Amino acid sequence: GQLGHGEDGLLLVPRKVDKESTGDVLPQIRKVSCGHEHSFLLCSAGNLYSAGIGKNGRLGYPCITTESRFKRVPFGANREPITWMQDVSCGSAHTAALDGNEKVYT
């Protein structure tokens, strides 16, 4: 699931992440960051997408299951998407993102 291809299981050969992987129009990707069991995409518009094992909030929103497709990460008081993230970095079981105002989200 952490690869975001929409399926679980072992993949032995790299495969292109396509628009089906987000369930939406695939945005232009600026950065990819991977943790132990999750992955994040930062698109050129500043939106974040995540996939993988959702326990402990590692996908950036309340989720305890595995998301096998990339899903846009909501931010803010109303959990609405913020469109100005500048950077993202995944650790083993956590993720940090930097917005356009140099505020850090974890």
C-alpha atoms as a PDB file:
ATOM      1  CA  GLY A   1       0.000   0.000   0.000  1.00  0.00           C
ATOM      2  CA  GLN A   2       2.821   2.443   0.718  1.00  0.00           C
ATOM      3  CA  LEU A   3       3.753   2.542  -2.977  1.00  0.00           C
ATOM      4  CA  GLY A   4       0.403   4.109  -3.863  1.00  0.00           C
ATOM      5  CA  HIS A   5      -0.403   1.905  -6.858  1.00  0.00           C
ATOM      6  CA  GLY A   6      -3.828   0.983  -5.530  1.00  0.00           C
ATOM      7  CA  GLU A   7      -2.959  -2.553  -4.476  1.00  0.00           C
ATOM      8  CA  ASP A   8      -1.199  -4.403  -1.708  1.00  0.00           C
ATOM      9  CA  GLY A   9       1.501  -6.955  -2.247  1.00  0.00           C
ATOM     10  CA  LEU A  10       5.089  -7.293  -3.283  1.00  0.00           C
ATOM     11  CA  LEU A  11       6.318  -5.480  -6.387  1.00  0.00           C
ATOM     12  CA  LEU A  12       9.700  -6.619  -7.647  1.00  0.00           C
ATOM     13  CA  VAL A  13       9.943  -4.241 -10.605  1.00  0.00           C
ATOM     14  CA  PRO A  14       9.485  -0.442 -10.426  1.00  0.00           C
ATOM     15  CA  ARG A  15       6.205   0.758 -11.866  1.00  0.00           C
ATOM     16  CA  LYS A  16       5.159   4.267 -12.877  1.00  0.00           C
ATOM     17  CA  VAL A  17       2.760   6.050 -10.538  1.00  0.00           C
ATOM     18  CA  ASP A  18      -0.090   7.245 -12.748  1.00  0.00           C
ATOM     19  CA  LYS A  19      -3.297   9.237 -12.375  1.00  0.00           C
ATOM     20  CA  GLU A  20      -5.114   6.122 -11.172  1.00  0.00           C
ATOM     21  CA  SER A  21      -2.824   6.168  -8.132  1.00  0.00           C
ATOM     22  CA  THR A  22      -4.417   9.333  -6.736  1.00  0.00           C
ATOM     23  CA  GLY A  23      -7.993   8.622  -7.760  1.00  0.00           C
ATOM     24  CA  ASP A  24      -7.833  12.133  -9.193  1.00  0.00           C
ATOM     25  CA  VAL A  25      -5.877  13.995 -11.825  1.00  0.00           C
ATOM     26  CA  LEU A  26      -2.224  13.301 -11.092  1.00  0.00           C
ATOM     27  CA  PRO A  27      -0.609  16.643 -10.311  1.00  0.00           C
ATOM     28  CA  GLN A  28       2.876  17.564 -11.463  1.00  0.00           C
ATOM     29  CA  ILE A  29       5.119  16.071  -8.771  1.00  0.00           C
ATOM     30  CA  ARG A  30       7.998  18.131  -7.398  1.00  0.00           C
ATOM     31  CA  LYS A  31       9.236  15.809  -4.641  1.00  0.00           C
ATOM     32  CA  VAL A  32       8.814  12.263  -3.342  1.00  0.00           C
ATOM     33  CA  SER A  33       9.620  11.198   0.215  1.00  0.00           C
ATOM     34  CA  CYS A  34       9.322   7.692   1.649  1.00  0.00           C
ATOM     35  CA  GLY A  35       9.194   6.356   5.181  1.00  0.00           C
ATOM     36  CA  HIS A  36       9.260   2.768   6.380  1.00  0.00           C
ATOM     37  CA  GLU A  37       5.582   2.098   5.605  1.00  0.00           C
ATOM     38  CA  HIS A  38       4.340   5.274   3.931  1.00  0.00           C
ATOM     39  CA  SER A  39       5.104   7.674   1.072  1.00  0.00           C
ATOM     40  CA  PHE A  40       4.370  11.333   0.336  1.00  0.00           C
ATOM     41  CA  LEU A  41       4.183  13.289  -2.915  1.00  0.00           C
ATOM     42  CA  LEU A  42       4.606  17.078  -3.007  1.00  0.00           C
ATOM     43  CA  CYS A  43       3.077  18.540  -6.163  1.00  0.00           C
ATOM     44  CA  SER A  44       4.165  21.734  -7.878  1.00  0.00           C
ATOM     45  CA  ALA A  45       1.051  23.571  -6.592  1.00  0.00           C
ATOM     46  CA  GLY A  46       2.127  22.754  -3.024  1.00  0.00           C
ATOM     47  CA  ASN A  47      -0.419  20.034  -2.256  1.00  0.00           C
ATOM     48  CA  LEU A  48       0.614  16.880  -0.397  1.00  0.00           C
ATOM     49  CA  TYR A  49      -0.576  13.356  -1.184  1.00  0.00           C
ATOM     50  CA  SER A  50       0.113  10.322   1.024  1.00  0.00           C
ATOM     51  CA  ALA A  51      -0.253   6.546   0.830  1.00  0.00           C
ATOM     52  CA  GLY A  52       0.673   3.624   3.046  1.00  0.00           C
ATOM     53  CA  ILE A  53      -0.056   2.392   6.547  1.00  0.00           C
ATOM     54  CA  GLY A  54      -2.066   5.019   8.389  1.00  0.00           C
ATOM     55  CA  LYS A  55      -1.488   4.071  12.005  1.00  0.00           C
ATOM     56  CA  ASN A  56      -0.285   6.761  14.415  1.00  0.00           C
ATOM     57  CA  GLY A  57      -1.259   9.586  12.042  1.00  0.00           C
ATOM     58  CA  ARG A  58       1.699   9.076   9.725  1.00  0.00           C
ATOM     59  CA  LEU A  59      -0.406   9.857   6.622  1.00  0.00           C
ATOM     60  CA  GLY A  60      -1.252  13.344   7.881  1.00  0.00           C
ATOM     61  CA  TYR A  61      -4.918  12.728   8.687  1.00  0.00           C
ATOM     62  CA  PRO A  62      -6.938  10.403  10.959  1.00  0.00           C
ATOM     63  CA  CYS A  63      -6.574   6.953   9.432  1.00  0.00           C
ATOM     64  CA  ILE A  64      -5.872   3.559  10.981  1.00  0.00           C
ATOM     65  CA  THR A  65      -6.033   1.494   7.809  1.00  0.00           C
ATOM     66  CA  THR A  66      -3.753   1.142   4.810  1.00  0.00           C
ATOM     67  CA  GLU A  67      -4.347   3.618   1.992  1.00  0.00           C
ATOM     68  CA  SER A  68      -3.231   1.882  -1.179  1.00  0.00           C
ATOM     69  CA  ARG A  69      -3.810   4.965  -3.366  1.00  0.00           C
ATOM     70  CA  PHE A  70      -2.389   8.424  -2.866  1.00  0.00           C
ATOM     71  CA  LYS A  71      -4.875  10.711  -1.112  1.00  0.00           C
ATOM     72  CA  ARG A  72      -4.608  14.494  -0.769  1.00  0.00           C
ATOM     73  CA  VAL A  73      -3.624  15.478   2.781  1.00  0.00           C
ATOM     74  CA  PRO A  74      -5.968  17.977   4.477  1.00  0.00           C
ATOM     75  CA  PHE A  75      -4.574  20.739   6.706  1.00  0.00           C
ATOM     76  CA  GLY A  76      -5.904  23.611   8.769  1.00  0.00           C
ATOM     77  CA  ALA A  77      -8.657  24.048  11.336  1.00  0.00           C
ATOM     78  CA  ASN A  78     -11.343  22.782   8.933  1.00  0.00           C
ATOM     79  CA  ARG A  79      -9.081  20.011   7.576  1.00  0.00           C
ATOM     80  CA  GLU A  80      -9.197  21.700   4.178  1.00  0.00           C
ATOM     81  CA  PRO A  81      -6.259  21.300   1.826  1.00  0.00           C
ATOM     82  CA  ILE A  82      -3.572  23.953   2.011  1.00  0.00           C
ATOM     83  CA  THR A  83      -2.010  24.563  -1.360  1.00  0.00           C
ATOM     84  CA  TRP A  84       1.307  26.095  -0.408  1.00  0.00           C
ATOM     85  CA  MET A  85       3.519  23.429   1.103  1.00  0.00           C
ATOM     86  CA  GLN A  86       7.163  23.960   0.153  1.00  0.00           C
ATOM     87  CA  ASP A  87       8.853  20.781   1.371  1.00  0.00           C
ATOM     88  CA  VAL A  88       8.132  17.360   2.869  1.00  0.00           C
ATOM     89  CA  SER A  89      10.309  14.723   4.514  1.00  0.00           C
ATOM     90  CA  CYS A  90       9.343  11.277   5.800  1.00  0.00           C
ATOM     91  CA  GLY A  91      11.039   9.499   8.653  1.00  0.00           C
ATOM     92  CA  SER A  92      10.548   5.891   9.640  1.00  0.00           C
ATOM     93  CA  ALA A  93       7.095   6.441  11.177  1.00  0.00           C
ATOM     94  CA  HIS A  94       6.492  10.188  10.853  1.00  0.00           C
ATOM     95  CA  THR A  95       6.410  13.032   8.331  1.00  0.00           C
ATOM     96  CA  ALA A  96       7.246  16.731   8.528  1.00  0.00           C
ATOM     97  CA  ALA A  97       6.123  19.393   6.049  1.00  0.00           C
ATOM     98  CA  LEU A  98       7.144  23.024   5.639  1.00  0.00           C
ATOM     99  CA  ASP A  99       4.625  25.591   4.387  1.00  0.00           C
ATOM    100  CA  GLY A 100       5.183  28.857   2.510  1.00  0.00           C
ATOM    101  CA  ASN A 101       5.275  30.809   5.788  1.00  0.00           C
ATOM    102  CA  GLU A 102       8.072  28.580   7.132  1.00  0.00           C
ATOM    103  CA  LYS A 103       5.727  26.832   9.598  1.00  0.00           C
ATOM    104  CA  VAL A 104       6.426  23.172  10.246  1.00  0.00           C
ATOM    105  CA  TYR A 105       3.665  20.547  10.370  1.00  0.00           C
ATOM    106  CA  THR A 106       4.249  17.116  11.943  1.00  0.00           C
END
